[in-house]
Amino acid sequence: VPPPLPRHLGPAPQPPPSLHPRLLPTPPSMPPISLAKSPPASASASASSSASASASAPAPLFFQGKWSGEGTLLSGPERVKYLFAADFTAVPGAAGHAAVFAVTQTAVREAGDGGLVMMETGFVRVFRSGKVEANLAHLSGLNGFEMGMIEVAEGRMELAAEEEENFQRPPMGFTEGKQSVTAIRREYAMDGEGLMDFRLDVGISQQEMEPYISCKLKKVA
């Protein structure tokens, strides 16, 4: 019987079964290589920045833009027909806690001399809480500070000034012989068909408020 071989001369060790050539797993097929060019980094960054800006930009409020329509002056014995125009323009860069809009509203007689029935200009501030405040200068020289609420989903906003402290009046000589406005209430409401109803009630010399202007407005810009 031949002597046993030294350990270092023994048969070559076999690879474990899992590494045997016949048992090696088949490599998965590679996905096809796309030849489409990737956009430049600057273009990608620009697109991402634009998308981010679009996503963060607030949607316009229902009253924003230019509106026009016809109505009837309800105060006094006569019923005067007029052309009404309203312009609500967002003020860029305004304070972050409120959206600010510059406002101009005019009512002009349809017939006769075409004179102004009403003109007011100023600012409206809409707060995240739903509160709204406006400071408006009127053709008569009166400055009014109105407060109210907005219901964005319903498309409705109300403002009112009913206390003497809400009004700033010009010197007495400027309004001599004229009746004094002591209360104002206004409402803007979408009618569900793309038109906006505007109503303005006014109280004169501490009397109860009465309808003054009412009209239906169409957005023109």
C-alpha atoms as a PDB file:
ATOM      1  CA  VAL A   1       0.000   0.000   0.000  1.00  0.00           C
ATOM      2  CA  PRO A   2       1.615   3.251  -1.049  1.00  0.00           C
ATOM      3  CA  PRO A   3       2.130   5.744   1.682  1.00  0.00           C
ATOM      4  CA  PRO A   4      -0.373   8.599   1.849  1.00  0.00           C
ATOM      5  CA  LEU A   5       0.526  11.799  -0.014  1.00  0.00           C
ATOM      6  CA  PRO A   6       1.507  14.822   1.991  1.00  0.00           C
ATOM      7  CA  ARG A   7      -1.298  17.314   2.524  1.00  0.00           C
ATOM      8  CA  HIS A   8       0.240  19.883   0.252  1.00  0.00           C
ATOM      9  CA  LEU A   9       0.335  17.358  -2.577  1.00  0.00           C
ATOM     10  CA  GLY A  10      -3.205  16.093  -2.139  1.00  0.00           C
ATOM     11  CA  PRO A  11      -5.969  16.479  -4.830  1.00  0.00           C
ATOM     12  CA  ALA A  12      -6.838  20.112  -5.680  1.00  0.00           C
ATOM     13  CA  PRO A  13      -9.845  21.292  -3.739  1.00  0.00           C
ATOM     14  CA  GLN A  14     -13.044  21.636  -5.752  1.00  0.00           C
ATOM     15  CA  PRO A  15     -15.012  24.891  -5.725  1.00  0.00           C
ATOM     16  CA  PRO A  16     -18.142  24.913  -3.651  1.00  0.00           C
ATOM     17  CA  PRO A  17     -21.240  23.832  -5.608  1.00  0.00           C
ATOM     18  CA  SER A  18     -22.583  27.384  -5.690  1.00  0.00           C
ATOM     19  CA  LEU A  19     -19.478  28.548  -7.587  1.00  0.00           C
ATOM     20  CA  HIS A  20     -19.358  25.700 -10.046  1.00  0.00           C
ATOM     21  CA  PRO A  21     -19.405  27.091 -13.620  1.00  0.00           C
ATOM     22  CA  ARG A  22     -22.512  25.148 -14.497  1.00  0.00           C
ATOM     23  CA  LEU A  23     -24.341  26.422 -11.396  1.00  0.00           C
ATOM     24  CA  LEU A  24     -23.437  30.118 -11.603  1.00  0.00           C
ATOM     25  CA  PRO A  25     -26.571  32.283 -11.893  1.00  0.00           C
ATOM     26  CA  THR A  26     -27.251  33.830 -15.254  1.00  0.00           C
ATOM     27  CA  PRO A  27     -26.579  37.570 -15.107  1.00  0.00           C
ATOM     28  CA  PRO A  28     -29.741  39.647 -15.579  1.00  0.00           C
ATOM     29  CA  SER A  29     -30.201  41.267 -18.946  1.00  0.00           C
ATOM     30  CA  MET A  30     -29.164  44.934 -19.045  1.00  0.00           C
ATOM     31  CA  PRO A  31     -31.804  47.527 -19.861  1.00  0.00           C
ATOM     32  CA  PRO A  32     -31.385  49.174 -23.255  1.00  0.00           C
ATOM     33  CA  ILE A  33     -29.237  52.301 -23.183  1.00  0.00           C
ATOM     34  CA  SER A  34     -31.134  55.463 -23.965  1.00  0.00           C
ATOM     35  CA  LEU A  35     -29.481  57.783 -26.449  1.00  0.00           C
ATOM     36  CA  ALA A  36     -31.694  60.767 -25.542  1.00  0.00           C
ATOM     37  CA  LYS A  37     -29.661  63.758 -24.426  1.00  0.00           C
ATOM     38  CA  SER A  38     -30.122  64.922 -20.859  1.00  0.00           C
ATOM     39  CA  PRO A  39     -31.062  68.583 -20.515  1.00  0.00           C
ATOM     40  CA  PRO A  40     -28.240  70.855 -19.417  1.00  0.00           C
ATOM     41  CA  ALA A  41     -27.955  71.355 -15.700  1.00  0.00           C
ATOM     42  CA  SER A  42     -28.832  75.033 -16.032  1.00  0.00           C
ATOM     43  CA  ALA A  43     -31.994  74.212 -18.005  1.00  0.00           C
ATOM     44  CA  SER A  44     -33.037  71.632 -15.416  1.00  0.00           C
ATOM     45  CA  ALA A  45     -32.451  74.096 -12.611  1.00  0.00           C
ATOM     46  CA  SER A  46     -34.403  76.776 -14.462  1.00  0.00           C
ATOM     47  CA  ALA A  47     -37.347  74.436 -15.100  1.00  0.00           C
ATOM     48  CA  SER A  48     -37.313  73.320 -11.467  1.00  0.00           C
ATOM     49  CA  SER A  49     -37.221  76.935 -10.312  1.00  0.00           C
ATOM     50  CA  SER A  50     -40.122  77.870 -12.613  1.00  0.00           C
ATOM     51  CA  ALA A  51     -42.192  74.915 -11.426  1.00  0.00           C
ATOM     52  CA  SER A  52     -41.480  75.819  -7.813  1.00  0.00           C
ATOM     53  CA  ALA A  53     -42.453  79.433  -8.413  1.00  0.00           C
ATOM     54  CA  SER A  54     -45.675  78.375 -10.154  1.00  0.00           C
ATOM     55  CA  ALA A  55     -46.553  76.033  -7.318  1.00  0.00           C
ATOM     56  CA  SER A  56     -45.998  78.741  -4.688  1.00  0.00           C
ATOM     57  CA  ALA A  57     -47.801  81.551  -6.565  1.00  0.00           C
ATOM     58  CA  PRO A  58     -51.205  82.195  -4.968  1.00  0.00           C
ATOM     59  CA  ALA A  59     -54.309  81.832  -7.114  1.00  0.00           C
ATOM     60  CA  PRO A  60     -56.072  85.101  -7.988  1.00  0.00           C
ATOM     61  CA  LEU A  61     -58.974  86.008  -5.719  1.00  0.00           C
ATOM     62  CA  PHE A  62     -62.425  86.055  -7.303  1.00  0.00           C
ATOM     63  CA  PHE A  63     -62.730  89.860  -7.418  1.00  0.00           C
ATOM     64  CA  GLN A  64     -59.277  90.480  -8.899  1.00  0.00           C
ATOM     65  CA  GLY A  65     -59.141  92.157 -12.330  1.00  0.00           C
ATOM     66  CA  LYS A  66     -61.165  94.726 -14.263  1.00  0.00           C
ATOM     67  CA  TRP A  67     -64.982  94.672 -14.233  1.00  0.00           C
ATOM     68  CA  SER A  68     -67.714  96.711 -15.898  1.00  0.00           C
ATOM     69  CA  GLY A  69     -71.494  96.773 -16.000  1.00  0.00           C
ATOM     70  CA  GLU A  70     -74.661  98.827 -15.828  1.00  0.00           C
ATOM     71  CA  GLY A  71     -76.809  99.697 -12.867  1.00  0.00           C
ATOM     72  CA  THR A  72     -79.290 102.086 -11.352  1.00  0.00           C
ATOM     73  CA  LEU A  73     -78.719 104.654  -8.642  1.00  0.00           C
ATOM     74  CA  LEU A  74     -81.274 103.671  -6.001  1.00  0.00           C
ATOM     75  CA  SER A  75     -80.986 106.654  -3.677  1.00  0.00           C
ATOM     76  CA  GLY A  76     -83.280 109.687  -4.011  1.00  0.00           C
ATOM     77  CA  PRO A  77     -86.537 110.191  -5.918  1.00  0.00           C
ATOM     78  CA  GLU A  78     -84.948 109.596  -9.333  1.00  0.00           C
ATOM     79  CA  ARG A  79     -83.603 106.343 -10.697  1.00  0.00           C
ATOM     80  CA  VAL A  80     -80.398 107.310 -12.521  1.00  0.00           C
ATOM     81  CA  LYS A  81     -78.875 104.739 -14.866  1.00  0.00           C
ATOM     82  CA  TYR A  82     -75.102 104.621 -14.898  1.00  0.00           C
ATOM     83  CA  LEU A  83     -72.072 102.724 -16.202  1.00  0.00           C
ATOM     84  CA  PHE A  84     -69.986 101.160 -13.443  1.00  0.00           C
ATOM     85  CA  ALA A  85     -66.301 100.155 -13.626  1.00  0.00           C
ATOM     86  CA  ALA A  86     -64.130  98.476 -10.996  1.00  0.00           C
ATOM     87  CA  ASP A  87     -60.425  97.687 -11.075  1.00  0.00           C
ATOM     88  CA  PHE A  88     -58.729  95.475  -8.454  1.00  0.00           C
ATOM     89  CA  THR A  89     -54.982  95.224  -9.134  1.00  0.00           C
ATOM     90  CA  ALA A  90     -52.648  93.175  -6.922  1.00  0.00           C
ATOM     91  CA  VAL A  91     -49.798  95.190  -5.401  1.00  0.00           C
ATOM     92  CA  PRO A  92     -46.548  93.183  -5.831  1.00  0.00           C
ATOM     93  CA  GLY A  93     -44.168  92.897  -2.924  1.00  0.00           C
ATOM     94  CA  ALA A  94     -46.751  93.857  -0.315  1.00  0.00           C
ATOM     95  CA  ALA A  95     -46.500  92.723   3.314  1.00  0.00           C
ATOM     96  CA  GLY A  96     -46.511  88.938   3.606  1.00  0.00           C
ATOM     97  CA  HIS A  97     -49.327  88.678   6.160  1.00  0.00           C
ATOM     98  CA  ALA A  98     -51.911  90.147   3.742  1.00  0.00           C
ATOM     99  CA  ALA A  99     -52.623  90.337   0.015  1.00  0.00           C
ATOM    100  CA  VAL A 100     -52.975  93.992  -1.007  1.00  0.00           C
ATOM    101  CA  PHE A 101     -55.026  95.292  -3.944  1.00  0.00           C
ATOM    102  CA  ALA A 102     -55.180  98.804  -5.369  1.00  0.00           C
ATOM    103  CA  VAL A 103     -58.826  99.660  -6.066  1.00  0.00           C
ATOM    104  CA  THR A 104     -60.555 102.213  -8.274  1.00  0.00           C
ATOM    105  CA  GLN A 105     -64.335 102.282  -8.782  1.00  0.00           C
ATOM    106  CA  THR A 106     -66.384 104.761 -10.809  1.00  0.00           C
ATOM    107  CA  ALA A 107     -70.042 105.185 -11.724  1.00  0.00           C
ATOM    108  CA  VAL A 108     -70.833 107.502 -14.669  1.00  0.00           C
ATOM    109  CA  ARG A 109     -74.296 108.618 -15.805  1.00  0.00           C
ATOM    110  CA  GLU A 110     -75.442 107.014 -19.057  1.00  0.00           C
ATOM    111  CA  ALA A 111     -77.466 110.060 -20.102  1.00  0.00           C
ATOM    112  CA  GLY A 112     -77.132 113.808 -19.749  1.00  0.00           C
ATOM    113  CA  ASP A 113     -73.709 115.209 -19.080  1.00  0.00           C
ATOM    114  CA  GLY A 114     -72.188 111.798 -18.326  1.00  0.00           C
ATOM    115  CA  GLY A 115     -71.010 113.126 -14.987  1.00  0.00           C
ATOM    116  CA  LEU A 116     -69.648 111.055 -12.149  1.00  0.00           C
ATOM    117  CA  VAL A 117     -72.189 109.522  -9.800  1.00  0.00           C
ATOM    118  CA  MET A 118     -69.489 107.988  -7.628  1.00  0.00           C
ATOM    119  CA  MET A 119     -65.718 107.631  -7.564  1.00  0.00           C
ATOM    120  CA  GLU A 120     -63.519 106.044  -4.938  1.00  0.00           C
ATOM    121  CA  THR A 121     -59.938 104.830  -4.867  1.00  0.00           C
ATOM    122  CA  GLY A 122     -57.695 103.179  -2.300  1.00  0.00           C
ATOM    123  CA  PHE A 123     -56.529  99.800  -1.089  1.00  0.00           C
ATOM    124  CA  VAL A 124     -58.063  96.516   0.066  1.00  0.00           C
ATOM    125  CA  ARG A 125     -56.093  94.116   2.272  1.00  0.00           C
ATOM    126  CA  VAL A 126     -57.070  90.460   2.518  1.00  0.00           C
ATOM    127  CA  PHE A 127     -55.638  88.542   5.487  1.00  0.00           C
ATOM    128  CA  ARG A 128     -55.066  84.786   5.725  1.00  0.00           C
ATOM    129  CA  SER A 129     -57.616  84.656   8.545  1.00  0.00           C
ATOM    130  CA  GLY A 130     -60.353  85.746   6.127  1.00  0.00           C
ATOM    131  CA  LYS A 131     -60.561  89.253   7.528  1.00  0.00           C
ATOM    132  CA  VAL A 132     -60.595  92.147   5.070  1.00  0.00           C
ATOM    133  CA  GLU A 133     -60.001  95.857   5.528  1.00  0.00           C
ATOM    134  CA  ALA A 134     -60.134  98.750   3.088  1.00  0.00           C
ATOM    135  CA  ASN A 135     -59.222 102.415   3.124  1.00  0.00           C
ATOM    136  CA  LEU A 136     -61.013 104.299   0.350  1.00  0.00           C
ATOM    137  CA  ALA A 137     -60.999 107.982  -0.606  1.00  0.00           C
ATOM    138  CA  HIS A 138     -64.298 109.213  -2.050  1.00  0.00           C
ATOM    139  CA  LEU A 139     -65.068 111.930  -4.582  1.00  0.00           C
ATOM    140  CA  SER A 140     -66.753 113.995  -1.848  1.00  0.00           C
ATOM    141  CA  GLY A 141     -63.485 114.270   0.100  1.00  0.00           C
ATOM    142  CA  LEU A 142     -64.470 111.592   2.620  1.00  0.00           C
ATOM    143  CA  ASN A 143     -61.993 108.884   3.633  1.00  0.00           C
ATOM    144  CA  GLY A 144     -63.530 105.650   4.861  1.00  0.00           C
ATOM    145  CA  PHE A 145     -61.948 102.736   6.739  1.00  0.00           C
ATOM    146  CA  GLU A 146     -64.044  99.617   6.224  1.00  0.00           C
ATOM    147  CA  MET A 147     -63.681  96.150   7.729  1.00  0.00           C
ATOM    148  CA  GLY A 148     -65.277  92.808   6.973  1.00  0.00           C
ATOM    149  CA  MET A 149     -64.804  89.201   5.900  1.00  0.00           C
ATOM    150  CA  ILE A 150     -64.176  87.262   2.704  1.00  0.00           C
ATOM    151  CA  GLU A 151     -65.400  83.764   1.831  1.00  0.00           C
ATOM    152  CA  VAL A 152     -63.090  82.747  -1.003  1.00  0.00           C
ATOM    153  CA  ALA A 153     -64.727  79.398  -1.800  1.00  0.00           C
ATOM    154  CA  GLU A 154     -68.186  80.984  -1.987  1.00  0.00           C
ATOM    155  CA  GLY A 155     -66.921  84.021  -3.934  1.00  0.00           C
ATOM    156  CA  ARG A 156     -68.258  86.595  -1.485  1.00  0.00           C
ATOM    157  CA  MET A 157     -66.790  89.619   0.317  1.00  0.00           C
ATOM    158  CA  GLU A 158     -68.459  92.124   2.657  1.00  0.00           C
ATOM    159  CA  LEU A 159     -67.102  95.382   4.073  1.00  0.00           C
ATOM    160  CA  ALA A 160     -68.669  97.986   6.330  1.00  0.00           C
ATOM    161  CA  ALA A 161     -67.968 101.213   8.212  1.00  0.00           C
ATOM    162  CA  GLU A 162     -70.634 102.076  10.763  1.00  0.00           C
ATOM    163  CA  GLU A 163     -68.876 104.139  13.453  1.00  0.00           C
ATOM    164  CA  GLU A 164     -67.766 107.758  13.331  1.00  0.00           C
ATOM    165  CA  GLU A 165     -64.187 106.668  14.001  1.00  0.00           C
ATOM    166  CA  ASN A 166     -64.253 104.858  10.637  1.00  0.00           C
ATOM    167  CA  PHE A 167     -64.437 108.163   8.763  1.00  0.00           C
ATOM    168  CA  GLN A 168     -61.996 110.970   8.145  1.00  0.00           C
ATOM    169  CA  ARG A 169     -63.707 114.127   6.926  1.00  0.00           C
ATOM    170  CA  PRO A 170     -62.383 117.178   5.063  1.00  0.00           C
ATOM    171  CA  PRO A 171     -62.604 120.726   6.456  1.00  0.00           C
ATOM    172  CA  MET A 172     -66.181 121.884   6.923  1.00  0.00           C
ATOM    173  CA  GLY A 173     -65.944 124.498   4.152  1.00  0.00           C
ATOM    174  CA  PHE A 174     -65.316 121.802   1.571  1.00  0.00           C
ATOM    175  CA  THR A 175     -68.591 120.014   2.306  1.00  0.00           C
ATOM    176  CA  GLU A 176     -70.692 122.967   3.370  1.00  0.00           C
ATOM    177  CA  GLY A 177     -74.369 122.415   2.572  1.00  0.00           C
ATOM    178  CA  LYS A 178     -73.858 118.727   1.802  1.00  0.00           C
ATOM    179  CA  GLN A 179     -75.302 115.769   3.669  1.00  0.00           C
ATOM    180  CA  SER A 180     -72.802 113.743   5.664  1.00  0.00           C
ATOM    181  CA  VAL A 181     -72.219 110.010   5.086  1.00  0.00           C
ATOM    182  CA  THR A 182     -72.183 108.239   8.447  1.00  0.00           C
ATOM    183  CA  ALA A 183     -72.345 104.551   7.417  1.00  0.00           C
ATOM    184  CA  ILE A 184     -71.321 102.412   4.434  1.00  0.00           C
ATOM    185  CA  ARG A 185     -71.839  98.748   3.681  1.00  0.00           C
ATOM    186  CA  ARG A 186     -70.790  96.974   0.465  1.00  0.00           C
ATOM    187  CA  GLU A 187     -70.942  93.433  -0.873  1.00  0.00           C
ATOM    188  CA  TYR A 188     -69.264  91.640  -3.785  1.00  0.00           C
ATOM    189  CA  ALA A 189     -70.668  88.213  -4.677  1.00  0.00           C
ATOM    190  CA  MET A 190     -70.218  85.874  -7.633  1.00  0.00           C
ATOM    191  CA  ASP A 191     -73.565  84.757  -9.061  1.00  0.00           C
ATOM    192  CA  GLY A 192     -72.427  81.296 -10.215  1.00  0.00           C
ATOM    193  CA  GLU A 193     -72.486  82.281 -13.898  1.00  0.00           C
ATOM    194  CA  GLY A 194     -69.229  84.257 -14.053  1.00  0.00           C
ATOM    195  CA  LEU A 195     -70.786  87.624 -13.155  1.00  0.00           C
ATOM    196  CA  MET A 196     -70.177  89.567  -9.958  1.00  0.00           C
ATOM    197  CA  ASP A 197     -72.989  91.341  -8.107  1.00  0.00           C
ATOM    198  CA  PHE A 198     -72.031  94.599  -6.409  1.00  0.00           C
ATOM    199  CA  ARG A 199     -74.230  96.354  -3.866  1.00  0.00           C
ATOM    200  CA  LEU A 200     -73.514  99.525  -1.912  1.00  0.00           C
ATOM    201  CA  ASP A 201     -75.698 100.774   0.951  1.00  0.00           C
ATOM    202  CA  VAL A 202     -75.188 104.222   2.492  1.00  0.00           C
ATOM    203  CA  GLY A 203     -76.419 105.881   5.690  1.00  0.00           C
ATOM    204  CA  ILE A 204     -76.802 109.676   5.698  1.00  0.00           C
ATOM    205  CA  SER A 205     -76.706 111.873   8.804  1.00  0.00           C
ATOM    206  CA  GLN A 206     -76.994 109.019  11.302  1.00  0.00           C
ATOM    207  CA  GLN A 207     -80.042 107.539   9.594  1.00  0.00           C
ATOM    208  CA  GLU A 208     -80.508 103.881   8.699  1.00  0.00           C
ATOM    209  CA  MET A 209     -78.549 102.634   5.691  1.00  0.00           C
ATOM    210  CA  GLU A 210     -80.464 102.490   2.402  1.00  0.00           C
ATOM    211  CA  PRO A 211     -79.617 100.916  -0.973  1.00  0.00           C
ATOM    212  CA  TYR A 212     -77.513 103.330  -3.009  1.00  0.00           C
ATOM    213  CA  ILE A 213     -75.922 101.411  -5.907  1.00  0.00           C
ATOM    214  CA  SER A 214     -76.623  97.947  -7.277  1.00  0.00           C
ATOM    215  CA  CYS A 215     -75.235  96.410 -10.466  1.00  0.00           C
ATOM    216  CA  LYS A 216     -74.069  93.203 -12.112  1.00  0.00           C
ATOM    217  CA  LEU A 217     -70.472  93.248 -13.339  1.00  0.00           C
ATOM    218  CA  LYS A 218     -68.722  91.303 -16.087  1.00  0.00           C
ATOM    219  CA  LYS A 219     -64.979  90.669 -16.004  1.00  0.00           C
ATOM    220  CA  VAL A 220     -63.269  92.407 -18.942  1.00  0.00           C
ATOM    221  CA  ALA A 221     -59.583  91.866 -18.086  1.00  0.00           C
END
